[in-house]
């Protein structure tokens, strides 16, 4: 199923790139396509990198420390209550693969356009 989501994200992003290029600059040029597609590709890659970082458990220790340090609803939490809380990495059930692959594909289109632009 990630292939279908990736394909949908790429098609929607390319259509949005053309639409934004026409709305912002009132013309469709290769340079405007390169500039706007860079923002879409970078956004998708940042979303994928952030979700991979969170799912990898990087922030679990930080959130555990905050849970131990701060109170909840005016009362101190016991060690058992803190240990029973679900870690952040387990709370995130977001699949990062479609965003990663669509970001790479869009960046690939951008690099191809950049190569053509400088020929």
PDB file of N, CA and C in Angstrom:
ATOM      1  N   UNK A   1       0.802  -1.209   0.000  1.00  0.00           N
ATOM      2  CA  UNK A   1       0.000   0.000   0.000  1.00  0.00           C
ATOM      3  C   UNK A   1       0.847   1.277   0.000  1.00  0.00           C
ATOM      4  N   UNK A   2       2.110   1.277   0.489  1.00  0.00           N
ATOM      5  CA  UNK A   2       2.890   2.517   0.439  1.00  0.00           C
ATOM      6  C   UNK A   2       3.138   3.008  -0.982  1.00  0.00           C
ATOM      7  N   UNK A   3       3.127   2.102  -1.973  1.00  0.00           N
ATOM      8  CA  UNK A   3       3.364   2.519  -3.355  1.00  0.00           C
ATOM      9  C   UNK A   3       2.217   3.403  -3.844  1.00  0.00           C
ATOM     10  N   UNK A   4       1.000   3.039  -3.501  1.00  0.00           N
ATOM     11  CA  UNK A   4      -0.154   3.824  -3.918  1.00  0.00           C
ATOM     12  C   UNK A   4      -0.145   5.204  -3.246  1.00  0.00           C
ATOM     13  N   UNK A   5       0.188   5.242  -1.963  1.00  0.00           N
ATOM     14  CA  UNK A   5       0.262   6.523  -1.253  1.00  0.00           C
ATOM     15  C   UNK A   5       1.398   7.378  -1.796  1.00  0.00           C
ATOM     16  N   UNK A   6       2.521   6.763  -2.097  1.00  0.00           N
ATOM     17  CA  UNK A   6       3.660   7.495  -2.654  1.00  0.00           C
ATOM     18  C   UNK A   6       3.307   8.086  -4.004  1.00  0.00           C
ATOM     19  N   UNK A   7       2.684   7.284  -4.857  1.00  0.00           N
ATOM     20  CA  UNK A   7       2.287   7.757  -6.178  1.00  0.00           C
ATOM     21  C   UNK A   7       1.291   8.909  -6.067  1.00  0.00           C
ATOM     22  N   UNK A   8       0.338   8.786  -5.160  1.00  0.00           N
ATOM     23  CA  UNK A   8      -0.647   9.849  -4.953  1.00  0.00           C
ATOM     24  C   UNK A   8       0.019  11.126  -4.464  1.00  0.00           C
ATOM     25  N   UNK A   9       0.930  11.009  -3.502  1.00  0.00           N
ATOM     26  CA  UNK A   9       1.642  12.189  -3.000  1.00  0.00           C
ATOM     27  C   UNK A   9       2.464  12.867  -4.093  1.00  0.00           C
ATOM     28  N   UNK A  10       3.100  12.088  -4.942  1.00  0.00           N
ATOM     29  CA  UNK A  10       3.924  12.662  -6.008  1.00  0.00           C
ATOM     30  C   UNK A  10       3.047  13.393  -7.021  1.00  0.00           C
ATOM     31  N   UNK A  11       1.957  12.763  -7.437  1.00  0.00           N
ATOM     32  CA  UNK A  11       1.070  13.388  -8.420  1.00  0.00           C
ATOM     33  C   UNK A  11       0.454  14.668  -7.859  1.00  0.00           C
ATOM     34  N   UNK A  12      -0.031  14.618  -6.624  1.00  0.00           N
ATOM     35  CA  UNK A  12      -0.630  15.807  -6.009  1.00  0.00           C
ATOM     36  C   UNK A  12       0.408  16.910  -5.852  1.00  0.00           C
ATOM     37  N   UNK A  13       1.623  16.551  -5.472  1.00  0.00           N
ATOM     38  CA  UNK A  13       2.680  17.549  -5.290  1.00  0.00           C
ATOM     39  C   UNK A  13       3.070  18.209  -6.604  1.00  0.00           C
ATOM     40  N   UNK A  14       3.163  17.428  -7.659  1.00  0.00           N
ATOM     41  CA  UNK A  14       3.521  18.006  -8.962  1.00  0.00           C
ATOM     42  C   UNK A  14       2.405  18.922  -9.464  1.00  0.00           C
ATOM     43  N   UNK A  15       1.165  18.495  -9.298  1.00  0.00           N
ATOM     44  CA  UNK A  15       0.041  19.362  -9.690  1.00  0.00           C
ATOM     45  C   UNK A  15       0.027  20.643  -8.856  1.00  0.00           C
ATOM     46  N   UNK A  16       0.276  20.518  -7.566  1.00  0.00           N
ATOM     47  CA  UNK A  16       0.312  21.700  -6.691  1.00  0.00           C
ATOM     48  C   UNK A  16       1.488  22.597  -7.046  1.00  0.00           C
ATOM     49  N   UNK A  17       2.596  22.008  -7.481  1.00  0.00           N
ATOM     50  CA  UNK A  17       3.756  22.802  -7.893  1.00  0.00           C
ATOM     51  C   UNK A  17       3.412  23.659  -9.106  1.00  0.00           C
ATOM     52  N   UNK A  18       2.776  23.044 -10.108  1.00  0.00           N
ATOM     53  CA  UNK A  18       2.369  23.811 -11.289  1.00  0.00           C
ATOM     54  C   UNK A  18       1.349  24.885 -10.924  1.00  0.00           C
ATOM     55  N   UNK A  19       0.394  24.536 -10.069  1.00  0.00           N
ATOM     56  CA  UNK A  19      -0.633  25.497  -9.663  1.00  0.00           C
ATOM     57  C   UNK A  19      -0.023  26.667  -8.887  1.00  0.00           C
ATOM     58  N   UNK A  20       0.850  26.377  -7.941  1.00  0.00           N
ATOM     59  CA  UNK A  20       1.494  27.443  -7.177  1.00  0.00           C
ATOM     60  C   UNK A  20       2.416  28.300  -8.046  1.00  0.00           C
ATOM     61  N   UNK A  21       3.077  27.672  -8.993  1.00  0.00           N
ATOM     62  CA  UNK A  21       3.925  28.431  -9.901  1.00  0.00           C
ATOM     63  C   UNK A  21       3.085  29.414 -10.717  1.00  0.00           C
ATOM     64  N   UNK A  22       1.951  28.953 -11.196  1.00  0.00           N
ATOM     65  CA  UNK A  22       1.087  29.828 -11.982  1.00  0.00           C
ATOM     66  C   UNK A  22       0.453  30.916 -11.111  1.00  0.00           C
ATOM     67  N   UNK A  23       0.044  30.570  -9.888  1.00  0.00           N
ATOM     68  CA  UNK A  23      -0.595  31.558  -9.016  1.00  0.00           C
ATOM     69  C   UNK A  23       0.393  32.600  -8.497  1.00  0.00           C
ATOM     70  N   UNK A  24       1.593  32.182  -8.141  1.00  0.00           N
ATOM     71  CA  UNK A  24       2.575  33.122  -7.583  1.00  0.00           C
ATOM     72  C   UNK A  24       3.260  33.975  -8.642  1.00  0.00           C
ATOM     73  N   UNK A  25       3.605  33.362  -9.763  1.00  0.00           N
ATOM     74  CA  UNK A  25       4.423  34.064 -10.756  1.00  0.00           C
ATOM     75  C   UNK A  25       3.672  34.386 -12.047  1.00  0.00           C
ATOM     76  N   UNK A  26       2.451  33.943 -12.194  1.00  0.00           N
ATOM     77  CA  UNK A  26       1.615  34.138 -13.379  1.00  0.00           C
ATOM     78  C   UNK A  26       2.256  33.578 -14.652  1.00  0.00           C
ATOM     79  N   UNK A  27       3.148  32.639 -14.491  1.00  0.00           N
ATOM     80  CA  UNK A  27       3.746  31.955 -15.631  1.00  0.00           C
ATOM     81  C   UNK A  27       4.294  30.608 -15.178  1.00  0.00           C
ATOM     82  N   UNK A  28       4.433  29.711 -16.123  1.00  0.00           N
ATOM     83  CA  UNK A  28       4.988  28.393 -15.834  1.00  0.00           C
ATOM     84  C   UNK A  28       6.373  28.309 -16.476  1.00  0.00           C
ATOM     85  N   UNK A  29       7.397  28.346 -15.660  1.00  0.00           N
ATOM     86  CA  UNK A  29       8.764  28.214 -16.168  1.00  0.00           C
ATOM     87  C   UNK A  29       9.467  27.090 -15.416  1.00  0.00           C
ATOM     88  N   UNK A  30      10.536  26.623 -16.002  1.00  0.00           N
ATOM     89  CA  UNK A  30      11.306  25.539 -15.391  1.00  0.00           C
ATOM     90  C   UNK A  30      11.932  25.981 -14.075  1.00  0.00           C
ATOM     91  N   UNK A  31      12.393  27.212 -14.019  1.00  0.00           N
ATOM     92  CA  UNK A  31      13.013  27.717 -12.801  1.00  0.00           C
ATOM     93  C   UNK A  31      12.009  27.777 -11.645  1.00  0.00           C
ATOM     94  N   UNK A  32      10.795  28.205 -11.920  1.00  0.00           N
ATOM     95  CA  UNK A  32       9.772  28.244 -10.875  1.00  0.00           C
ATOM     96  C   UNK A  32       9.380  26.837 -10.429  1.00  0.00           C
ATOM     97  N   UNK A  33       9.328  25.901 -11.384  1.00  0.00           N
ATOM     98  CA  UNK A  33       9.054  24.509 -11.031  1.00  0.00           C
ATOM     99  C   UNK A  33      10.148  23.970 -10.113  1.00  0.00           C
ATOM    100  N   UNK A  34      11.398  24.287 -10.410  1.00  0.00           N
ATOM    101  CA  UNK A  34      12.519  23.817  -9.591  1.00  0.00           C
ATOM    102  C   UNK A  34      12.423  24.384  -8.182  1.00  0.00           C
ATOM    103  N   UNK A  35      12.161  25.667  -8.079  1.00  0.00           N
ATOM    104  CA  UNK A  35      12.092  26.308  -6.765  1.00  0.00           C
ATOM    105  C   UNK A  35      10.968  25.745  -5.901  1.00  0.00           C
ATOM    106  N   UNK A  36       9.785  25.618  -6.468  1.00  0.00           N
ATOM    107  CA  UNK A  36       8.631  25.163  -5.671  1.00  0.00           C
ATOM    108  C   UNK A  36       8.729  23.671  -5.371  1.00  0.00           C
ATOM    109  N   UNK A  37       9.209  22.880  -6.331  1.00  0.00           N
ATOM    110  CA  UNK A  37       9.322  21.439  -6.064  1.00  0.00           C
ATOM    111  C   UNK A  37      10.372  21.155  -4.991  1.00  0.00           C
ATOM    112  N   UNK A  38      11.384  22.021  -4.872  1.00  0.00           N
ATOM    113  CA  UNK A  38      12.361  21.856  -3.793  1.00  0.00           C
ATOM    114  C   UNK A  38      11.671  21.955  -2.430  1.00  0.00           C
ATOM    115  N   UNK A  39      10.756  22.902  -2.274  1.00  0.00           N
ATOM    116  CA  UNK A  39      10.051  23.059  -1.002  1.00  0.00           C
ATOM    117  C   UNK A  39       9.177  21.843  -0.686  1.00  0.00           C
ATOM    118  N   UNK A  40       8.487  21.325  -1.698  1.00  0.00           N
ATOM    119  CA  UNK A  40       7.672  20.129  -1.466  1.00  0.00           C
ATOM    120  C   UNK A  40       8.540  18.930  -1.104  1.00  0.00           C
ATOM    121  N   UNK A  41       9.603  18.699  -1.867  1.00  0.00           N
ATOM    122  CA  UNK A  41      10.479  17.564  -1.590  1.00  0.00           C
ATOM    123  C   UNK A  41      11.138  17.665  -0.233  1.00  0.00           C
ATOM    124  N   UNK A  42      11.610  18.852   0.110  1.00  0.00           N
ATOM    125  CA  UNK A  42      12.240  19.053   1.411  1.00  0.00           C
ATOM    126  C   UNK A  42      11.241  18.842   2.551  1.00  0.00           C
ATOM    127  N   UNK A  43      10.020  19.317   2.371  1.00  0.00           N
ATOM    128  CA  UNK A  43       8.996  19.133   3.407  1.00  0.00           C
ATOM    129  C   UNK A  43       8.716  17.654   3.643  1.00  0.00           C
ATOM    130  N   UNK A  44       8.568  16.896   2.566  1.00  0.00           N
ATOM    131  CA  UNK A  44       8.313  15.464   2.713  1.00  0.00           C
ATOM    132  C   UNK A  44       9.492  14.750   3.366  1.00  0.00           C
ATOM    133  N   UNK A  45      10.709  15.123   2.994  1.00  0.00           N
ATOM    134  CA  UNK A  45      11.881  14.489   3.605  1.00  0.00           C
ATOM    135  C   UNK A  45      12.014  14.845   5.081  1.00  0.00           C
ATOM    136  N   UNK A  46      11.668  16.078   5.451  1.00  0.00           N
ATOM    137  CA  UNK A  46      11.724  16.461   6.863  1.00  0.00           C
ATOM    138  C   UNK A  46      10.665  15.728   7.683  1.00  0.00           C
ATOM    139  N   UNK A  47       9.472  15.567   7.126  1.00  0.00           N
ATOM    140  CA  UNK A  47       8.420  14.812   7.817  1.00  0.00           C
ATOM    141  C   UNK A  47       8.880  13.365   8.028  1.00  0.00           C
ATOM    142  N   UNK A  48       9.452  12.766   6.993  1.00  0.00           N
ATOM    143  CA  UNK A  48       9.930  11.380   7.099  1.00  0.00           C
ATOM    144  C   UNK A  48      11.063  11.267   8.113  1.00  0.00           C
ATOM    145  N   UNK A  49      11.992  12.205   8.104  1.00  0.00           N
ATOM    146  CA  UNK A  49      13.114  12.157   9.047  1.00  0.00           C
ATOM    147  C   UNK A  49      12.631  12.334  10.482  1.00  0.00           C
ATOM    148  N   UNK A  50      11.684  13.240  10.689  1.00  0.00           N
ATOM    149  CA  UNK A  50      11.160  13.448  12.039  1.00  0.00           C
ATOM    150  C   UNK A  50      10.430  12.211  12.548  1.00  0.00           C
ATOM    151  N   UNK A  51       9.595  11.597  11.715  1.00  0.00           N
ATOM    152  CA  UNK A  51       8.879  10.403  12.167  1.00  0.00           C
ATOM    153  C   UNK A  51       9.822   9.232  12.398  1.00  0.00           C
ATOM    154  N   UNK A  52      10.877   9.110  11.592  1.00  0.00           N
ATOM    155  CA  UNK A  52      11.853   8.041  11.834  1.00  0.00           C
ATOM    156  C   UNK A  52      12.590   8.263  13.149  1.00  0.00           C
ATOM    157  N   UNK A  53      12.888   9.523  13.452  1.00  0.00           N
ATOM    158  CA  UNK A  53      13.573   9.849  14.699  1.00  0.00           C
ATOM    159  C   UNK A  53      12.695   9.533  15.904  1.00  0.00           C
ATOM    160  N   UNK A  54      11.434   9.926  15.832  1.00  0.00           N
ATOM    161  CA  UNK A  54      10.521   9.673  16.950  1.00  0.00           C
ATOM    162  C   UNK A  54      10.261   8.183  17.104  1.00  0.00           C
ATOM    163  N   UNK A  55      10.020   7.481  15.991  1.00  0.00           N
ATOM    164  CA  UNK A  55       9.747   6.040  16.063  1.00  0.00           C
ATOM    165  C   UNK A  55      10.975   5.252  16.516  1.00  0.00           C
ATOM    166  N   UNK A  56      12.161   5.804  16.306  1.00  0.00           N
ATOM    167  CA  UNK A  56      13.380   5.124  16.735  1.00  0.00           C
ATOM    168  C   UNK A  56      13.613   5.194  18.228  1.00  0.00           C
ATOM    169  N   UNK A  57      12.830   5.995  18.935  1.00  0.00           N
ATOM    170  CA  UNK A  57      12.943   6.068  20.386  1.00  0.00           C
ATOM    171  C   UNK A  57      13.875   7.155  20.888  1.00  0.00           C
ATOM    172  N   UNK A  58      14.257   8.088  20.021  1.00  0.00           N
ATOM    173  CA  UNK A  58      15.191   9.133  20.414  1.00  0.00           C
ATOM    174  C   UNK A  58      14.625  10.017  21.520  1.00  0.00           C
ATOM    175  N   UNK A  59      13.347  10.311  21.479  1.00  0.00           N
ATOM    176  CA  UNK A  59      12.728  11.211  22.447  1.00  0.00           C
ATOM    177  C   UNK A  59      12.120  10.488  23.651  1.00  0.00           C
ATOM    178  N   UNK A  60      12.209   9.179  23.712  1.00  0.00           N
ATOM    179  CA  UNK A  60      11.626   8.434  24.830  1.00  0.00           C
ATOM    180  C   UNK A  60      12.294   8.780  26.158  1.00  0.00           C
ATOM    181  N   UNK A  61      13.599   8.892  26.162  1.00  0.00           N
ATOM    182  CA  UNK A  61      14.312   9.235  27.397  1.00  0.00           C
ATOM    183  C   UNK A  61      13.996  10.645  27.864  1.00  0.00           C
ATOM    184  N   UNK A  62      13.859  11.558  26.920  1.00  0.00           N
ATOM    185  CA  UNK A  62      13.540  12.944  27.263  1.00  0.00           C
ATOM    186  C   UNK A  62      12.140  13.028  27.863  1.00  0.00           C
ATOM    187  N   UNK A  63      11.187  12.371  27.219  1.00  0.00           N
ATOM    188  CA  UNK A  63       9.817  12.420  27.752  1.00  0.00           C
ATOM    189  C   UNK A  63       9.709  11.688  29.083  1.00  0.00           C
ATOM    190  N   UNK A  64      10.481  10.620  29.259  1.00  0.00           N
ATOM    191  CA  UNK A  64      10.477   9.925  30.547  1.00  0.00           C
ATOM    192  C   UNK A  64      10.982  10.851  31.650  1.00  0.00           C
ATOM    193  N   UNK A  65      12.043  11.599  31.350  1.00  0.00           N
ATOM    194  CA  UNK A  65      12.578  12.541  32.342  1.00  0.00           C
ATOM    195  C   UNK A  65      11.592  13.644  32.675  1.00  0.00           C
ATOM    196  N   UNK A  66      10.897  14.159  31.665  1.00  0.00           N
ATOM    197  CA  UNK A  66       9.891  15.185  31.920  1.00  0.00           C
ATOM    198  C   UNK A  66       8.725  14.634  32.736  1.00  0.00           C
ATOM    199  N   UNK A  67       8.369  13.403  32.482  1.00  0.00           N
ATOM    200  CA  UNK A  67       7.276  12.796  33.251  1.00  0.00           C
ATOM    201  C   UNK A  67       7.658  12.642  34.719  1.00  0.00           C
ATOM    202  N   UNK A  68       8.912  12.314  34.975  1.00  0.00           N
ATOM    203  CA  UNK A  68       9.363  12.162  36.358  1.00  0.00           C
ATOM    204  C   UNK A  68       9.486  13.506  37.057  1.00  0.00           C
ATOM    205  N   UNK A  69       9.833  14.543  36.322  1.00  0.00           N
ATOM    206  CA  UNK A  69      10.122  15.827  36.932  1.00  0.00           C
ATOM    207  C   UNK A  69       8.860  16.655  37.205  1.00  0.00           C
ATOM    208  N   UNK A  70       7.908  16.613  36.292  1.00  0.00           N
ATOM    209  CA  UNK A  70       6.743  17.473  36.429  1.00  0.00           C
ATOM    210  C   UNK A  70       5.570  16.729  37.055  1.00  0.00           C
ATOM    211  N   UNK A  71       4.643  17.512  37.583  1.00  0.00           N
ATOM    212  CA  UNK A  71       3.451  16.927  38.202  1.00  0.00           C
ATOM    213  C   UNK A  71       2.330  16.866  37.181  1.00  0.00           C
ATOM    214  N   UNK A  72       1.354  16.041  37.463  1.00  0.00           N
ATOM    215  CA  UNK A  72       0.184  15.916  36.608  1.00  0.00           C
ATOM    216  C   UNK A  72      -1.056  16.258  37.415  1.00  0.00           C
ATOM    217  N   UNK A  73      -1.771  17.274  36.990  1.00  0.00           N
ATOM    218  CA  UNK A  73      -3.012  17.707  37.634  1.00  0.00           C
ATOM    219  C   UNK A  73      -2.797  18.041  39.107  1.00  0.00           C
ATOM    220  N   UNK A  74      -1.647  18.641  39.412  1.00  0.00           N
ATOM    221  CA  UNK A  74      -1.380  19.095  40.771  1.00  0.00           C
ATOM    222  C   UNK A  74      -0.881  18.037  41.732  1.00  0.00           C
ATOM    223  N   UNK A  75      -0.673  16.795  41.272  1.00  0.00           N
ATOM    224  CA  UNK A  75      -0.176  15.755  42.171  1.00  0.00           C
ATOM    225  C   UNK A  75       1.065  15.109  41.580  1.00  0.00           C
ATOM    226  N   UNK A  76       1.897  14.634  42.470  1.00  0.00           N
ATOM    227  CA  UNK A  76       3.118  13.949  42.045  1.00  0.00           C
ATOM    228  C   UNK A  76       2.754  12.586  41.455  1.00  0.00           C
ATOM    229  N   UNK A  77       3.477  12.195  40.425  1.00  0.00           N
ATOM    230  CA  UNK A  77       3.276  10.879  39.831  1.00  0.00           C
ATOM    231  C   UNK A  77       4.174   9.864  40.534  1.00  0.00           C
ATOM    232  N   UNK A  78       3.636   8.695  40.760  1.00  0.00           N
ATOM    233  CA  UNK A  78       4.452   7.627  41.334  1.00  0.00           C
ATOM    234  C   UNK A  78       5.295   6.999  40.233  1.00  0.00           C
ATOM    235  N   UNK A  79       6.326   6.272  40.640  1.00  0.00           N
ATOM    236  CA  UNK A  79       7.201   5.618  39.660  1.00  0.00           C
ATOM    237  C   UNK A  79       6.415   4.601  38.830  1.00  0.00           C
ATOM    238  N   UNK A  80       5.449   3.948  39.433  1.00  0.00           N
ATOM    239  CA  UNK A  80       4.637   2.973  38.710  1.00  0.00           C
ATOM    240  C   UNK A  80       3.786   3.673  37.640  1.00  0.00           C
ATOM    241  N   UNK A  81       3.213   4.846  37.973  1.00  0.00           N
ATOM    242  CA  UNK A  81       2.403   5.589  37.002  1.00  0.00           C
ATOM    243  C   UNK A  81       3.248   6.056  35.821  1.00  0.00           C
ATOM    244  N   UNK A  82       4.457   6.470  36.103  1.00  0.00           N
ATOM    245  CA  UNK A  82       5.347   6.920  35.029  1.00  0.00           C
ATOM    246  C   UNK A  82       5.744   5.744  34.150  1.00  0.00           C
ATOM    247  N   UNK A  83       6.035   4.603  34.760  1.00  0.00           N
ATOM    248  CA  UNK A  83       6.431   3.424  33.987  1.00  0.00           C
ATOM    249  C   UNK A  83       5.281   2.848  33.175  1.00  0.00           C
ATOM    250  N   UNK A  84       4.040   3.071  33.598  1.00  0.00           N
ATOM    251  CA  UNK A  84       2.884   2.564  32.860  1.00  0.00           C
ATOM    252  C   UNK A  84       2.522   3.428  31.657  1.00  0.00           C
ATOM    253  N   UNK A  85       3.047   4.649  31.612  1.00  0.00           N
ATOM    254  CA  UNK A  85       2.767   5.519  30.465  1.00  0.00           C
ATOM    255  C   UNK A  85       3.438   4.961  29.215  1.00  0.00           C
ATOM    256  N   UNK A  86       2.746   5.088  28.109  1.00  0.00           N
ATOM    257  CA  UNK A  86       3.248   4.563  26.841  1.00  0.00           C
ATOM    258  C   UNK A  86       4.317   5.516  26.295  1.00  0.00           C
ATOM    259  N   UNK A  87       5.468   4.985  25.864  1.00  0.00           N
ATOM    260  CA  UNK A  87       6.507   5.848  25.288  1.00  0.00           C
ATOM    261  C   UNK A  87       6.033   6.514  23.990  1.00  0.00           C
ATOM    262  N   UNK A  88       6.643   7.640  23.663  1.00  0.00           N
ATOM    263  CA  UNK A  88       6.258   8.396  22.471  1.00  0.00           C
ATOM    264  C   UNK A  88       6.470   7.572  21.207  1.00  0.00           C
ATOM    265  N   UNK A  89       7.511   6.765  21.183  1.00  0.00           N
ATOM    266  CA  UNK A  89       7.790   5.966  19.986  1.00  0.00           C
ATOM    267  C   UNK A  89       6.687   4.947  19.705  1.00  0.00           C
ATOM    268  N   UNK A  90       5.986   4.501  20.728  1.00  0.00           N
ATOM    269  CA  UNK A  90       4.897   3.555  20.527  1.00  0.00           C
ATOM    270  C   UNK A  90       3.580   4.258  20.217  1.00  0.00           C
ATOM    271  N   UNK A  91       3.474   5.523  20.562  1.00  0.00           N
ATOM    272  CA  UNK A  91       2.257   6.269  20.270  1.00  0.00           C
ATOM    273  C   UNK A  91       2.138   6.632  18.800  1.00  0.00           C
ATOM    274  N   UNK A  92       3.252   6.786  18.125  1.00  0.00           N
ATOM    275  CA  UNK A  92       3.257   7.214  16.736  1.00  0.00           C
ATOM    276  C   UNK A  92       3.107   6.004  15.826  1.00  0.00           C
ATOM    277  N   UNK A  93       1.960   5.896  15.187  1.00  0.00           N
ATOM    278  CA  UNK A  93       1.718   4.786  14.263  1.00  0.00           C
ATOM    279  C   UNK A  93       1.698   5.287  12.824  1.00  0.00           C
ATOM    280  N   UNK A  94       2.418   6.343  12.565  1.00  0.00           N
ATOM    281  CA  UNK A  94       2.461   7.033  11.283  1.00  0.00           C
ATOM    282  C   UNK A  94       3.509   6.366  10.405  1.00  0.00           C
ATOM    283  N   UNK A  95       3.143   5.976   9.191  1.00  0.00           N
ATOM    284  CA  UNK A  95       4.087   5.333   8.280  1.00  0.00           C
ATOM    285  C   UNK A  95       4.890   6.397   7.543  1.00  0.00           C
ATOM    286  N   UNK A  96       6.194   6.358   7.677  1.00  0.00           N
ATOM    287  CA  UNK A  96       7.046   7.375   7.075  1.00  0.00           C
ATOM    288  C   UNK A  96       7.473   7.049   5.653  1.00  0.00           C
ATOM    289  N   UNK A  97       7.304   5.824   5.212  1.00  0.00           N
ATOM    290  CA  UNK A  97       7.809   5.399   3.906  1.00  0.00           C
ATOM    291  C   UNK A  97       7.219   6.188   2.733  1.00  0.00           C
ATOM    292  N   UNK A  98       5.904   6.436   2.666  1.00  0.00           N
ATOM    293  CA  UNK A  98       5.398   7.209   1.520  1.00  0.00           C
ATOM    294  C   UNK A  98       5.989   8.613   1.442  1.00  0.00           C
ATOM    295  N   UNK A  99       6.184   9.259   2.581  1.00  0.00           N
ATOM    296  CA  UNK A  99       6.763  10.594   2.574  1.00  0.00           C
ATOM    297  C   UNK A  99       8.239  10.558   2.176  1.00  0.00           C
ATOM    298  N   UNK A 100       8.948   9.546   2.613  1.00  0.00           N
ATOM    299  CA  UNK A 100      10.356   9.414   2.264  1.00  0.00           C
ATOM    300  C   UNK A 100      10.523   9.201   0.769  1.00  0.00           C
ATOM    301  N   UNK A 101       9.792   8.242   0.214  1.00  0.00           N
ATOM    302  CA  UNK A 101       9.945   7.935  -1.204  1.00  0.00           C
ATOM    303  C   UNK A 101       9.414   9.055  -2.097  1.00  0.00           C
ATOM    304  N   UNK A 102       8.297   9.659  -1.725  1.00  0.00           N
ATOM    305  CA  UNK A 102       7.786  10.754  -2.553  1.00  0.00           C
ATOM    306  C   UNK A 102       8.717  11.970  -2.477  1.00  0.00           C
ATOM    307  N   UNK A 103       9.299  12.219  -1.304  1.00  0.00           N
ATOM    308  CA  UNK A 103      10.273  13.304  -1.195  1.00  0.00           C
ATOM    309  C   UNK A 103      11.493  13.056  -2.071  1.00  0.00           C
ATOM    310  N   UNK A 104      11.974  11.825  -2.089  1.00  0.00           N
ATOM    311  CA  UNK A 104      13.120  11.493  -2.934  1.00  0.00           C
ATOM    312  C   UNK A 104      12.779  11.611  -4.417  1.00  0.00           C
ATOM    313  N   UNK A 105      11.577  11.185  -4.796  1.00  0.00           N
ATOM    314  CA  UNK A 105      11.160  11.280  -6.197  1.00  0.00           C
ATOM    315  C   UNK A 105      11.024  12.738  -6.623  1.00  0.00           C
ATOM    316  N   UNK A 106      10.425  13.554  -5.774  1.00  0.00           N
ATOM    317  CA  UNK A 106      10.248  14.967  -6.113  1.00  0.00           C
ATOM    318  C   UNK A 106      11.598  15.678  -6.174  1.00  0.00           C
ATOM    319  N   UNK A 107      12.499  15.365  -5.258  1.00  0.00           N
ATOM    320  CA  UNK A 107      13.845  15.933  -5.311  1.00  0.00           C
ATOM    321  C   UNK A 107      14.559  15.451  -6.586  1.00  0.00           C
ATOM    322  N   UNK A 108      14.298  14.208  -6.989  1.00  0.00           N
ATOM    323  CA  UNK A 108      14.859  13.710  -8.253  1.00  0.00           C
ATOM    324  C   UNK A 108      14.348  14.494  -9.444  1.00  0.00           C
ATOM    325  N   UNK A 109      13.031  14.785  -9.474  1.00  0.00           N
ATOM    326  CA  UNK A 109      12.477  15.623 -10.542  1.00  0.00           C
ATOM    327  C   UNK A 109      13.092  17.019 -10.518  1.00  0.00           C
ATOM    328  N   UNK A 110      13.281  17.543  -9.317  1.00  0.00           N
ATOM    329  CA  UNK A 110      13.875  18.872  -9.187  1.00  0.00           C
ATOM    330  C   UNK A 110      15.312  18.873  -9.720  1.00  0.00           C
ATOM    331  N   UNK A 111      16.082  17.850  -9.381  1.00  0.00           N
ATOM    332  CA  UNK A 111      17.460  17.767  -9.876  1.00  0.00           C
ATOM    333  C   UNK A 111      17.500  17.575 -11.387  1.00  0.00           C
ATOM    334  N   UNK A 112      16.565  16.801 -11.929  1.00  0.00           N
ATOM    335  CA  UNK A 112      16.475  16.645 -13.372  1.00  0.00           C
ATOM    336  C   UNK A 112      16.157  17.982 -14.035  1.00  0.00           C
ATOM    337  N   UNK A 113      15.214  18.720 -13.487  1.00  0.00           N
ATOM    338  CA  UNK A 113      14.898  20.054 -14.010  1.00  0.00           C
ATOM    339  C   UNK A 113      16.069  20.996 -13.878  1.00  0.00           C
ATOM    340  N   UNK A 114      16.814  20.887 -12.800  1.00  0.00           N
ATOM    341  CA  UNK A 114      17.992  21.734 -12.594  1.00  0.00           C
ATOM    342  C   UNK A 114      19.079  21.409 -13.624  1.00  0.00           C
ATOM    343  N   UNK A 115      19.243  20.127 -13.899  1.00  0.00           N
ATOM    344  CA  UNK A 115      20.204  19.705 -14.914  1.00  0.00           C
ATOM    345  C   UNK A 115      19.811  20.248 -16.281  1.00  0.00           C
ATOM    346  N   UNK A 116      18.537  20.139 -16.630  1.00  0.00           N
ATOM    347  CA  UNK A 116      18.041  20.654 -17.914  1.00  0.00           C
ATOM    348  C   UNK A 116      18.170  22.179 -17.962  1.00  0.00           C
ATOM    349  N   UNK A 117      17.922  22.839 -16.861  1.00  0.00           N
ATOM    350  CA  UNK A 117      18.002  24.297 -16.821  1.00  0.00           C
ATOM    351  C   UNK A 117      19.420  24.795 -17.101  1.00  0.00           C
ATOM    352  N   UNK A 118      20.424  24.070 -16.618  1.00  0.00           N
ATOM    353  CA  UNK A 118      21.806  24.504 -16.791  1.00  0.00           C
ATOM    354  C   UNK A 118      22.441  23.970 -18.065  1.00  0.00           C
ATOM    355  N   UNK A 119      21.711  23.246 -18.875  1.00  0.00           N
ATOM    356  CA  UNK A 119      22.268  22.773 -20.165  1.00  0.00           C
ATOM    357  C   UNK A 119      22.282  23.857 -21.191  1.00  0.00           C
TER     358      UNK A 119
END
